[in-house]
Amino acid sequence: MNLWKANIGKHLKLPSAPSIDKKEFKLKRDVANGIPKTYFVCYYVGGGQRELFVGSNQADWGGFSAIAEIRRADREYRIATYIPPASKAFRALQQAEREVVLPESMVSLEPLAKLYQTRIRAVAAMKGTPHPDFLGRSTEIGQAFDKGMEPMQCCYFCQGMMGYRVAAKFTEKDVRNYICYMGWKLRGGYAHSCAEVEVSLQCSQNWIGNGKPGNH
């Protein structure tokens, strides 16, 4: 019996454990790790000053609701003074979109094209005079980046609430698609979730510190 036990390994062909190359090992899908999905950088030059302001959106914690709640409360504490004006600008853009009346020639456009034409008019209405609740930033250059630090467009809400001059160039097709993809229901009432809002607060504080209106 003991001899049989000792030799059994010579006769059994068991599958070997697969070898894993750590360099090629990748997760099948992204997991929540608290890394923001979007960053925004503003480069300001004025009055002999050069300033660089950086911010991010709400960190992604996925199903870790307790951590997400804590981190969101911390972010809202840091930008608390800017939440009311951001909310006003958000609601003003929504109202501007409702009030857009497209010309007769566009009545028969397919829904996405009609939405695009509506939204570019709503953004123009916010920036035009500008609207009293517009957050400003029309004199500053800014650029959004994804978490891989690739340039990306500002979302529709940020385009309508703020006037940053974006440095990167995008195709007309990409511009049309991006301004239409974000819906009001998807954003809900969270007007200040974007990275641009964090940076706009810093820009506003900088202007006020230099004796100018915060929404310059």
Protein backbone atom coordinates (compact mmCIF):
# COMPACT_ATOMS: atom_id res chain seq x y z
CA MET A 1 0.00 0.00 0.00
CA ASN A 2 2.75 2.42 0.93
CA LEU A 3 4.60 1.59 -2.27
CA TRP A 4 1.40 2.23 -4.29
CA LYS A 5 0.98 5.62 -2.64
CA ALA A 6 4.54 6.53 -3.36
CA ASN A 7 4.24 5.67 -7.06
CA ILE A 8 0.76 6.98 -7.78
CA GLY A 9 2.13 10.32 -8.89
CA LYS A 10 4.01 8.62 -11.69
CA HIS A 11 0.82 7.24 -13.23
CA LEU A 12 -1.65 10.11 -12.81
CA LYS A 13 -1.64 12.94 -15.37
CA LEU A 14 -3.10 15.95 -13.58
CA PRO A 15 -3.48 19.31 -15.33
CA SER A 16 -0.74 21.75 -14.43
CA ALA A 17 -1.56 25.21 -13.10
CA PRO A 18 -1.44 27.83 -15.83
CA SER A 19 1.52 30.17 -15.75
CA ILE A 20 0.67 33.86 -15.63
CA ASP A 21 2.82 36.56 -17.14
CA LYS A 22 2.36 39.47 -14.75
CA LYS A 23 3.23 41.95 -17.48
CA GLU A 24 0.29 40.77 -19.58
CA PHE A 25 -2.16 40.29 -16.74
CA LYS A 26 -5.09 42.70 -17.06
CA LEU A 27 -8.45 43.01 -15.36
CA LYS A 28 -11.40 42.08 -17.55
CA ARG A 29 -13.14 45.30 -16.57
CA ASP A 30 -12.44 48.47 -14.65
CA VAL A 31 -13.11 48.38 -10.96
CA ALA A 32 -13.94 51.27 -8.66
CA ASN A 33 -10.73 52.65 -7.21
CA GLY A 34 -11.55 56.24 -6.33
CA ILE A 35 -9.76 57.69 -9.35
CA PRO A 36 -11.68 60.59 -10.94
CA LYS A 37 -12.84 60.04 -14.52
CA THR A 38 -12.13 63.62 -15.56
CA TYR A 39 -9.54 66.28 -14.80
CA PHE A 40 -9.58 69.91 -15.85
CA VAL A 41 -6.65 72.30 -16.14
CA CYS A 42 -6.88 76.08 -16.59
CA TYR A 43 -3.88 78.16 -17.55
CA TYR A 44 -4.38 81.80 -16.71
CA VAL A 45 -2.16 84.71 -17.75
CA GLY A 46 -3.16 88.24 -16.76
CA GLY A 47 -1.98 91.26 -14.86
CA GLY A 48 1.57 89.98 -14.92
CA GLN A 49 0.48 86.71 -13.29
CA ARG A 50 0.70 83.13 -14.48
CA GLU A 51 -1.54 80.66 -12.70
CA LEU A 52 -2.34 76.99 -13.19
CA PHE A 53 -5.56 75.68 -11.66
CA VAL A 54 -6.37 71.95 -11.56
CA GLY A 55 -9.51 70.10 -10.48
CA SER A 56 -11.32 66.79 -10.90
CA ASN A 57 -14.83 65.47 -10.97
CA GLN A 58 -16.49 63.35 -8.31
CA ALA A 59 -14.32 60.24 -7.75
CA ASP A 60 -15.71 56.91 -8.96
CA TRP A 61 -16.27 54.51 -6.07
CA GLY A 62 -18.75 52.24 -7.83
CA GLY A 63 -20.57 49.99 -5.36
CA PHE A 64 -18.60 51.25 -2.36
CA SER A 65 -21.46 53.50 -1.35
CA ALA A 66 -20.15 54.32 2.14
CA ILE A 67 -16.81 55.53 0.79
CA ALA A 68 -18.52 57.39 -2.06
CA GLU A 69 -20.76 59.20 0.41
CA ILE A 70 -17.81 60.29 2.55
CA ARG A 71 -15.76 61.48 -0.42
CA ARG A 72 -18.69 63.34 -1.94
CA ALA A 73 -19.34 65.12 1.37
CA ASP A 74 -15.65 66.10 1.51
CA ARG A 75 -15.74 67.47 -2.05
CA GLU A 76 -18.92 69.42 -1.38
CA TYR A 77 -17.37 70.89 1.77
CA ARG A 78 -14.40 72.16 -0.28
CA ILE A 79 -16.57 73.81 -2.93
CA ALA A 80 -19.53 74.71 -0.69
CA THR A 81 -19.44 78.44 -1.50
CA TYR A 82 -19.65 77.70 -5.22
CA ILE A 83 -22.52 75.20 -5.19
CA PRO A 84 -25.31 77.86 -5.14
CA PRO A 85 -23.98 79.83 -8.15
CA ALA A 86 -23.26 76.57 -10.02
CA SER A 87 -26.83 75.43 -9.38
CA LYS A 88 -28.19 78.76 -10.64
CA ALA A 89 -26.15 78.48 -13.84
CA PHE A 90 -27.32 74.89 -14.29
CA ARG A 91 -31.00 75.85 -13.98
CA ALA A 92 -30.49 78.88 -16.24
CA LEU A 93 -29.08 76.64 -18.98
CA GLN A 94 -32.01 74.27 -18.61
CA GLN A 95 -34.42 77.18 -18.97
CA ALA A 96 -32.49 78.53 -21.96
CA GLU A 97 -32.82 75.15 -23.67
CA ARG A 98 -36.57 75.10 -23.05
CA GLU A 99 -36.93 78.55 -24.58
CA VAL A 100 -35.10 77.78 -27.82
CA VAL A 101 -37.35 78.04 -30.87
CA LEU A 102 -35.84 76.50 -33.98
CA PRO A 103 -36.56 78.02 -37.41
CA GLU A 104 -39.18 76.42 -39.64
CA SER A 105 -36.46 74.96 -41.84
CA MET A 106 -35.33 72.71 -38.95
CA VAL A 107 -38.70 71.35 -37.88
CA SER A 108 -38.25 68.17 -39.91
CA LEU A 109 -34.74 67.40 -38.63
CA GLU A 110 -34.20 64.01 -37.05
CA PRO A 111 -34.19 64.09 -33.19
CA LEU A 112 -30.41 64.10 -32.62
CA ALA A 113 -29.81 66.87 -35.15
CA LYS A 114 -32.66 68.88 -33.65
CA LEU A 115 -31.23 68.42 -30.15
CA TYR A 116 -27.81 69.59 -31.36
CA GLN A 117 -29.27 72.73 -32.92
CA THR A 118 -31.27 73.41 -29.76
CA ARG A 119 -28.31 73.01 -27.46
CA ILE A 120 -25.84 75.16 -29.38
CA ARG A 121 -28.45 77.92 -29.26
CA ALA A 122 -28.94 77.43 -25.52
CA VAL A 123 -25.16 77.68 -24.96
CA ALA A 124 -25.03 80.81 -27.11
CA ALA A 125 -27.88 82.33 -25.10
CA MET A 126 -25.95 81.77 -21.86
CA LYS A 127 -22.70 83.24 -23.22
CA GLY A 128 -24.18 86.00 -25.34
CA THR A 129 -24.98 88.93 -23.06
CA PRO A 130 -23.94 86.98 -20.87
CA HIS A 131 -26.76 85.56 -18.76
CA PRO A 132 -26.74 86.95 -15.18
CA ASP A 133 -26.15 83.44 -13.78
CA PHE A 134 -23.38 82.54 -16.23
CA LEU A 135 -20.22 81.61 -14.28
CA GLY A 136 -17.83 83.45 -16.58
CA ARG A 137 -14.41 82.06 -17.57
CA SER A 138 -14.64 83.47 -21.11
CA THR A 139 -11.15 84.98 -20.87
CA GLU A 140 -9.40 81.80 -19.71
CA ILE A 141 -7.99 78.78 -21.52
CA GLY A 142 -8.89 75.38 -20.12
CA GLN A 143 -8.70 71.74 -21.12
CA ALA A 144 -10.46 68.62 -19.87
CA PHE A 145 -8.61 65.28 -19.72
CA ASP A 146 -9.81 61.75 -19.14
CA LYS A 147 -8.18 59.53 -16.49
CA GLY A 148 -5.59 58.47 -19.07
CA MET A 149 -4.75 62.17 -19.52
CA GLU A 150 -6.09 62.26 -23.08
CA PRO A 151 -7.76 65.56 -24.08
CA MET A 152 -11.55 65.45 -24.08
CA GLN A 153 -14.40 67.86 -24.63
CA CYS A 154 -16.29 69.69 -21.91
CA CYS A 155 -19.79 68.31 -21.47
CA TYR A 156 -22.86 70.25 -22.56
CA PHE A 157 -23.57 71.53 -19.06
CA CYS A 158 -20.07 72.93 -18.60
CA GLN A 159 -20.17 74.54 -22.04
CA GLY A 160 -23.38 76.31 -21.08
CA MET A 161 -22.44 77.22 -17.52
CA MET A 162 -18.87 78.40 -18.22
CA GLY A 163 -17.00 79.89 -21.16
CA TYR A 164 -13.55 78.32 -21.03
CA ARG A 165 -11.69 78.49 -24.34
CA VAL A 166 -10.73 74.87 -24.96
CA ALA A 167 -7.22 74.27 -26.25
CA ALA A 168 -7.70 70.95 -28.10
CA LYS A 169 -9.49 70.62 -31.44
CA PHE A 170 -12.16 68.02 -32.15
CA THR A 171 -13.94 66.89 -35.30
CA GLU A 172 -17.35 68.33 -36.08
CA LYS A 173 -18.88 64.88 -35.73
CA ASP A 174 -17.38 64.41 -32.25
CA VAL A 175 -18.59 67.85 -31.18
CA ARG A 176 -22.11 67.09 -32.36
CA ASN A 177 -22.21 63.73 -30.61
CA TYR A 178 -20.69 64.90 -27.34
CA ILE A 179 -22.95 67.89 -26.80
CA CYS A 180 -25.98 65.62 -27.23
CA TYR A 181 -25.05 62.55 -25.21
CA MET A 182 -25.60 63.96 -21.71
CA GLY A 183 -29.22 64.10 -20.59
CA TRP A 184 -30.80 66.14 -17.81
CA LYS A 185 -32.12 63.01 -16.08
CA LEU A 186 -28.68 61.42 -16.09
CA ARG A 187 -27.16 64.45 -14.34
CA GLY A 188 -30.13 64.91 -12.01
CA GLY A 189 -29.70 67.86 -9.67
CA TYR A 190 -25.95 67.38 -9.26
CA ALA A 191 -24.95 70.60 -11.01
CA HIS A 192 -21.46 70.76 -9.52
CA SER A 193 -20.12 67.26 -10.23
CA CYS A 194 -17.79 68.23 -13.09
CA ALA A 195 -14.09 68.99 -12.80
CA GLU A 196 -14.68 72.36 -14.50
CA VAL A 197 -16.73 73.55 -11.52
CA GLU A 198 -13.86 72.91 -9.11
CA VAL A 199 -11.49 74.86 -11.34
CA SER A 200 -13.99 77.65 -11.97
CA LEU A 201 -14.16 78.19 -8.21
CA GLN A 202 -10.38 78.62 -8.09
CA CYS A 203 -10.47 81.01 -11.05
CA SER A 204 -13.26 82.98 -9.40
CA GLN A 205 -11.31 83.30 -6.16
CA ASN A 206 -8.28 84.45 -8.13
CA TRP A 207 -10.27 87.22 -9.86
CA ILE A 208 -11.84 88.35 -6.59
CA GLY A 209 -8.38 88.43 -5.00
CA ASN A 210 -7.31 90.78 -7.79
CA GLY A 211 -10.25 93.12 -7.29
CA LYS A 212 -12.38 91.83 -10.20
CA PRO A 213 -15.82 90.15 -10.25
CA GLY A 214 -15.72 86.40 -9.72
CA ASN A 215 -17.60 85.72 -12.94
CA HIS A 216 -15.19 87.74 -15.08
